[in-house]
Amino acid sequence: MARRRRNKGRNISGILLLDKPIGMTSNAALQRVKRLFNANKAGHTGNLDPMASGLLPICLGEATKVSGFLLDSDKHYTGTAKLGERTNSGDADGEVLETRPVEVYSEARIREVFSRFTGEISQIPPMHSAIKVDGQPLYKLAHQGIEIERKPRQVEIFSLHLLAQRETELDIDVHCSKGTYIRTLVQDIGEELGCGAHLSALRRTGAGPFDLENSPTLAELEQLAEDGFEAMDAHLLPMEFALADWPQLRLTPDSAHYLCQGQAVQVPKAPTRGWVCLFADDDRFLGVGQILSDGRVAPRRLINQG
């Protein structure tokens, strides 16, 4: 007779907006949060490099069902470009490969260069990245001194602003699409300026509908943990907040019943296409659905209401 699987944590669901510290991997931060909350399930919404700090949304329990949608969302960053030095990783963790003199660039010159990187651009992913080729992450190949050809990727820079300028440093603010490498952006800006550059600091300030406001650090969570779960749970956001800009549909009890059985249903005044958030008539979040070609709403990821 098969042994029943024991519950390995609390059935707690919600989204924590963690302010990740510098020097920690996203997975290490995830595991720390999972232990602090004693959650039975957890996942993050996209890697944030160890050298970077800032917003790392962590989904607990049923919220992991919407984590993929946050992974696809646009991002906000602030960072610092160190001019005159090019590194093998594109950031401050790498080895300096080349140094070049830095001119006194006018603000007009910098903004003109920035304008070339606004809109849809092509980026070649860095070797020091988690992208897999034949099942092998590129960064593992890079650590072995191996460099392979990478295909360019199309990304979009919605805005790129100069925040401050010092002798050999530029502070920048970037709003970009998913999959954008800020260190590659900084490297390319350095080449356009003619001096080379690498990313010396990075902080994620926004992801999809979320920002850093009221985001706890790990140290703050550990302090709250001394007072019990209630103090920590107060920092969890409802999972539907991740989809705040999606159309919302409220279903009648009958429609909700059939939809939760896996059946597509007809909903008056529903959009004609795309993804939608589904709610019961008592405002309970049911999950996400997709509009079919015949106008019905099909369930795609439903939330366990148990």
Protein backbone atom coordinates (compact mmCIF):
# COMPACT_ATOMS: atom_id res chain seq x y z
CA MET A 1 0.00 0.00 0.00
CA ALA A 2 1.43 3.37 -1.00
CA ARG A 3 2.28 5.73 1.84
CA ARG A 4 0.40 9.01 1.94
CA ARG A 5 2.53 12.05 1.24
CA ARG A 6 2.90 14.19 4.32
CA ASN A 7 2.10 17.90 4.21
CA LYS A 8 5.43 19.71 4.16
CA GLY A 9 4.20 23.18 4.97
CA ARG A 10 1.30 25.59 5.30
CA ASN A 11 -1.31 25.94 2.58
CA ILE A 12 -0.65 29.68 2.39
CA SER A 13 -1.27 31.57 -0.87
CA GLY A 14 -0.33 35.08 -1.96
CA ILE A 15 2.39 37.21 -3.51
CA LEU A 16 5.29 38.63 -1.51
CA LEU A 17 7.09 41.62 -3.01
CA LEU A 18 10.58 40.99 -1.67
CA ASP A 19 13.36 43.58 -1.76
CA LYS A 20 16.18 41.16 -2.62
CA PRO A 21 19.63 42.03 -1.28
CA ILE A 22 22.82 42.28 -3.32
CA GLY A 23 24.95 39.13 -3.35
CA MET A 24 22.11 36.58 -3.20
CA THR A 25 20.70 34.48 -6.02
CA SER A 26 16.98 34.62 -6.70
CA ASN A 27 16.65 30.93 -5.82
CA ALA A 28 18.42 31.40 -2.48
CA ALA A 29 16.05 34.28 -1.67
CA LEU A 30 13.08 32.12 -2.69
CA GLN A 31 14.15 29.24 -0.43
CA ARG A 32 14.68 31.61 2.51
CA VAL A 33 11.20 33.08 2.08
CA LYS A 34 9.64 29.63 1.70
CA ARG A 35 11.19 28.52 4.98
CA LEU A 36 10.21 31.70 6.83
CA PHE A 37 6.57 31.32 5.76
CA ASN A 38 6.69 27.53 6.13
CA ALA A 39 4.95 27.42 2.75
CA ASN A 40 4.32 24.11 1.02
CA LYS A 41 4.90 25.62 -2.42
CA ALA A 42 6.73 28.69 -3.72
CA GLY A 43 8.17 30.12 -6.93
CA HIS A 44 9.71 33.37 -8.09
CA THR A 45 8.88 35.31 -11.24
CA GLY A 46 12.19 35.56 -13.03
CA ASN A 47 15.85 35.68 -12.06
CA LEU A 48 17.43 38.79 -10.62
CA ASP A 49 21.24 38.56 -10.81
CA PRO A 50 23.17 38.25 -7.53
CA MET A 51 24.80 41.65 -8.12
CA ALA A 52 21.35 43.26 -8.39
CA SER A 53 18.98 44.27 -5.63
CA GLY A 54 15.33 45.14 -5.65
CA LEU A 55 11.92 43.79 -6.50
CA LEU A 56 11.56 40.01 -6.63
CA PRO A 57 7.89 38.94 -6.54
CA ILE A 58 7.60 35.55 -4.86
CA CYS A 59 4.43 33.50 -5.31
CA LEU A 60 3.31 31.19 -2.53
CA GLY A 61 0.86 28.30 -2.82
CA GLU A 62 -1.87 28.75 -5.43
CA ALA A 63 -0.27 32.04 -6.53
CA THR A 64 2.37 29.99 -8.36
CA LYS A 65 -0.33 29.47 -11.01
CA VAL A 66 -0.03 33.13 -12.03
CA SER A 67 3.77 33.40 -11.70
CA GLY A 68 4.28 32.79 -15.42
CA PHE A 69 2.24 35.86 -16.27
CA LEU A 70 4.50 38.02 -14.09
CA LEU A 71 7.51 36.47 -15.80
CA ASP A 72 6.15 37.84 -19.09
CA SER A 73 5.54 41.34 -17.73
CA ASP A 74 7.63 44.44 -18.40
CA LYS A 75 10.25 45.61 -15.88
CA HIS A 76 11.67 48.84 -14.42
CA TYR A 77 15.32 49.24 -13.40
CA THR A 78 17.74 51.86 -12.19
CA GLY A 79 21.42 51.21 -12.75
CA THR A 80 24.89 52.65 -13.11
CA ALA A 81 27.04 52.40 -16.22
CA LYS A 82 30.78 52.48 -15.55
CA LEU A 83 32.37 54.10 -18.58
CA GLY A 84 35.82 53.24 -19.94
CA GLU A 85 35.90 49.59 -18.83
CA ARG A 86 34.63 46.53 -20.64
CA THR A 87 34.31 43.24 -18.71
CA ASN A 88 33.83 39.66 -19.88
CA SER A 89 30.44 39.40 -18.12
CA GLY A 90 29.20 42.89 -18.90
CA ASP A 91 28.92 43.71 -15.19
CA ALA A 92 31.09 44.44 -12.17
CA ASP A 93 31.44 40.73 -11.30
CA GLY A 94 33.47 40.08 -14.45
CA GLU A 95 37.11 40.44 -15.37
CA VAL A 96 38.16 43.72 -16.99
CA LEU A 97 39.10 42.97 -20.61
CA GLU A 98 39.79 46.47 -21.86
CA THR A 99 40.09 50.06 -20.67
CA ARG A 100 39.62 53.13 -22.85
CA PRO A 101 39.76 56.89 -22.24
CA VAL A 102 36.46 58.58 -21.41
CA GLU A 103 35.63 61.88 -23.03
CA VAL A 104 33.61 64.66 -21.44
CA TYR A 105 30.28 63.81 -23.03
CA SER A 106 27.63 66.48 -23.22
CA GLU A 107 24.18 65.64 -21.97
CA ALA A 108 22.90 66.17 -25.50
CA ARG A 109 25.38 63.59 -26.82
CA ILE A 110 24.32 61.03 -24.20
CA ARG A 111 20.63 61.56 -24.87
CA GLU A 112 21.23 61.21 -28.61
CA VAL A 113 22.90 57.84 -28.03
CA PHE A 114 20.10 56.80 -25.70
CA SER A 115 17.56 57.57 -28.42
CA ARG A 116 19.15 54.86 -30.60
CA PHE A 117 18.23 52.27 -27.96
CA THR A 118 14.61 53.31 -27.44
CA GLY A 119 11.90 51.22 -29.05
CA GLU A 120 12.39 47.74 -30.48
CA ILE A 121 16.05 46.74 -30.51
CA SER A 122 18.07 43.60 -31.12
CA GLN A 123 20.23 42.18 -28.32
CA ILE A 124 22.71 39.32 -28.31
CA PRO A 125 22.31 37.56 -24.94
CA PRO A 126 25.50 37.54 -22.85
CA MET A 127 27.42 34.32 -22.28
CA HIS A 128 27.05 34.91 -18.55
CA SER A 129 23.31 34.21 -18.58
CA ALA A 130 20.91 31.42 -17.64
CA ILE A 131 19.78 30.83 -21.23
CA LYS A 132 20.16 27.14 -22.10
CA VAL A 133 21.69 25.75 -25.27
CA ASP A 134 21.28 21.97 -25.67
CA GLY A 135 20.23 21.84 -22.01
CA GLN A 136 23.37 23.62 -20.78
CA PRO A 137 23.15 27.12 -19.22
CA LEU A 138 25.39 29.59 -21.04
CA TYR A 139 27.02 30.76 -17.81
CA LYS A 140 28.40 27.25 -17.18
CA LEU A 141 30.05 27.31 -20.60
CA ALA A 142 31.36 30.81 -19.91
CA HIS A 143 32.96 29.63 -16.66
CA GLN A 144 34.81 27.00 -18.71
CA GLY A 145 36.11 29.70 -21.05
CA ILE A 146 33.82 28.53 -23.85
CA GLU A 147 32.00 31.06 -26.01
CA ILE A 148 29.39 30.02 -28.55
CA GLU A 149 27.36 31.93 -31.11
CA ARG A 150 24.06 33.31 -29.75
CA LYS A 151 21.08 34.35 -31.83
CA PRO A 152 19.95 37.99 -31.47
CA ARG A 153 16.71 38.59 -29.61
CA GLN A 154 14.15 41.33 -30.14
CA VAL A 155 13.30 43.30 -27.01
CA GLU A 156 11.67 46.67 -26.44
CA ILE A 157 12.96 49.63 -24.45
CA PHE A 158 9.88 51.68 -23.58
CA SER A 159 11.92 54.46 -21.97
CA LEU A 160 15.59 55.16 -21.20
CA HIS A 161 16.44 58.19 -19.06
CA LEU A 162 19.65 59.73 -17.73
CA LEU A 163 19.30 60.31 -13.99
CA ALA A 164 22.78 61.61 -13.19
CA GLN A 165 26.18 61.99 -14.83
CA ARG A 166 29.60 61.84 -13.19
CA GLU A 167 33.08 61.78 -14.69
CA THR A 168 33.05 58.07 -15.60
CA GLU A 169 29.56 57.00 -14.55
CA LEU A 170 26.00 57.36 -15.82
CA ASP A 171 22.96 56.64 -13.65
CA ILE A 172 20.09 55.43 -15.80
CA ASP A 173 16.40 54.53 -15.50
CA VAL A 174 15.06 51.83 -17.83
CA HIS A 175 11.54 50.60 -18.55
CA CYS A 176 11.78 47.51 -20.77
CA SER A 177 10.12 44.35 -21.98
CA LYS A 178 10.78 40.90 -20.55
CA GLY A 179 14.06 39.30 -21.58
CA THR A 180 16.01 42.57 -21.73
CA TYR A 181 19.59 42.37 -20.47
CA ILE A 182 20.50 45.70 -18.88
CA ARG A 183 24.21 44.84 -18.89
CA THR A 184 24.02 44.21 -22.65
CA LEU A 185 22.22 47.53 -23.05
CA VAL A 186 24.97 49.29 -21.06
CA GLN A 187 27.70 47.56 -23.07
CA ASP A 188 26.10 48.63 -26.32
CA ILE A 189 25.70 52.21 -25.10
CA GLY A 190 29.39 52.20 -24.19
CA GLU A 191 30.33 51.10 -27.69
CA GLU A 192 28.19 53.85 -29.23
CA LEU A 193 29.92 56.42 -27.02
CA GLY A 194 33.27 54.95 -28.06
CA CYS A 195 34.65 54.31 -24.58
CA GLY A 196 33.14 50.94 -23.67
CA ALA A 197 31.18 50.35 -20.47
CA HIS A 198 29.92 47.78 -18.02
CA LEU A 199 27.05 47.66 -15.54
CA SER A 200 28.37 48.44 -12.06
CA ALA A 201 25.07 48.55 -10.13
CA LEU A 202 21.49 47.47 -10.77
CA ARG A 203 18.22 47.71 -8.87
CA ARG A 204 14.86 46.43 -10.08
CA THR A 205 12.18 48.93 -9.10
CA GLY A 206 9.14 47.50 -10.87
CA ALA A 207 7.70 44.32 -12.39
CA GLY A 208 4.34 44.36 -14.14
CA PRO A 209 1.82 46.11 -11.85
CA PHE A 210 4.15 45.99 -8.83
CA ASP A 211 6.77 48.37 -7.46
CA LEU A 212 9.11 48.50 -4.47
CA GLU A 213 6.84 50.53 -2.21
CA ASN A 214 6.39 48.75 1.15
CA SER A 215 8.48 45.78 -0.03
CA PRO A 216 10.13 44.08 2.98
CA THR A 217 13.74 42.95 3.03
CA LEU A 218 14.78 39.49 4.23
CA ALA A 219 16.11 41.03 7.44
CA GLU A 220 12.73 42.64 8.08
CA LEU A 221 10.90 39.36 7.40
CA GLU A 222 13.18 37.48 9.78
CA GLN A 223 12.40 40.02 12.47
CA LEU A 224 8.66 39.69 11.80
CA ALA A 225 8.98 35.89 11.99
CA GLU A 226 9.79 36.22 15.69
CA ASP A 227 6.22 37.47 16.20
CA GLY A 228 4.64 34.57 14.31
CA PHE A 229 3.06 34.02 10.91
CA GLU A 230 0.33 36.65 11.25
CA ALA A 231 2.79 39.54 11.06
CA MET A 232 4.45 38.09 7.94
CA ASP A 233 1.21 37.07 6.24
CA ALA A 234 0.09 40.70 6.38
CA HIS A 235 2.69 41.40 3.65
CA LEU A 236 1.10 38.93 1.20
CA LEU A 237 -0.93 40.38 -1.66
CA PRO A 238 -3.89 38.56 -3.24
CA MET A 239 -2.73 36.61 -6.28
CA GLU A 240 -5.17 38.40 -8.59
CA PHE A 241 -3.20 41.62 -8.04
CA ALA A 242 -0.64 40.21 -10.50
CA LEU A 243 -3.29 40.50 -13.23
CA ALA A 244 -4.60 43.95 -12.31
CA ASP A 245 -4.59 45.18 -15.92
CA TRP A 246 -6.56 42.18 -17.28
CA PRO A 247 -10.29 42.32 -18.07
CA GLN A 248 -12.36 41.01 -15.14
CA LEU A 249 -15.46 38.85 -15.48
CA ARG A 250 -17.92 38.03 -12.69
CA LEU A 251 -19.78 34.79 -13.18
CA THR A 252 -23.20 33.74 -12.01
CA PRO A 253 -23.27 30.78 -9.58
CA ASP A 254 -24.33 28.42 -12.39
CA SER A 255 -21.59 29.64 -14.77
CA ALA A 256 -18.99 29.44 -12.02
CA HIS A 257 -20.07 25.87 -11.22
CA TYR A 258 -19.74 24.65 -14.80
CA LEU A 259 -16.49 26.54 -15.38
CA CYS A 260 -14.95 24.99 -12.25
CA GLN A 261 -15.89 21.60 -13.72
CA GLY A 262 -13.66 22.44 -16.70
CA GLN A 263 -16.41 23.52 -19.09
CA ALA A 264 -16.40 26.65 -21.26
CA VAL A 265 -19.27 29.01 -20.49
CA GLN A 266 -21.00 31.96 -22.12
CA VAL A 267 -20.56 35.23 -20.22
CA PRO A 268 -22.49 38.37 -21.25
CA LYS A 269 -20.36 41.38 -22.21
CA ALA A 270 -17.14 39.36 -22.23
CA PRO A 271 -14.24 40.56 -24.42
CA THR A 272 -14.09 39.05 -27.90
CA ARG A 273 -10.60 37.60 -27.44
CA GLY A 274 -7.66 37.26 -25.06
CA TRP A 275 -7.16 36.32 -21.43
CA VAL A 276 -9.49 37.29 -18.57
CA CYS A 277 -9.62 37.17 -14.77
CA LEU A 278 -12.53 35.16 -13.44
CA PHE A 279 -14.44 35.96 -10.25
CA ALA A 280 -17.47 34.46 -8.55
CA ASP A 281 -20.41 36.73 -7.79
CA ASP A 282 -19.10 37.03 -4.18
CA ASP A 283 -15.79 38.41 -5.54
CA ARG A 284 -13.80 35.21 -4.93
CA PHE A 285 -10.97 34.88 -7.48
CA LEU A 286 -11.54 31.69 -9.47
CA GLY A 287 -8.56 31.81 -11.83
CA VAL A 288 -7.85 32.81 -15.40
CA GLY A 289 -9.63 31.98 -18.62
CA GLN A 290 -9.35 32.54 -22.35
CA ILE A 291 -11.95 33.65 -24.87
CA LEU A 292 -12.63 30.97 -27.49
CA SER A 293 -13.40 31.67 -31.16
CA ASP A 294 -17.12 31.14 -30.50
CA GLY A 295 -17.12 33.75 -27.70
CA ARG A 296 -17.30 31.35 -24.77
CA VAL A 297 -14.89 31.62 -21.84
CA ALA A 298 -12.71 28.55 -21.30
CA PRO A 299 -10.99 27.87 -17.96
CA ARG A 300 -7.20 27.77 -18.21
CA ARG A 301 -5.77 27.98 -14.68
CA LEU A 302 -8.22 27.64 -11.85
CA ILE A 303 -7.49 28.29 -8.20
CA ASN A 304 -8.04 25.55 -5.63
CA GLN A 305 -10.72 26.96 -3.32
CA GLY A 306 -10.10 24.35 -0.63
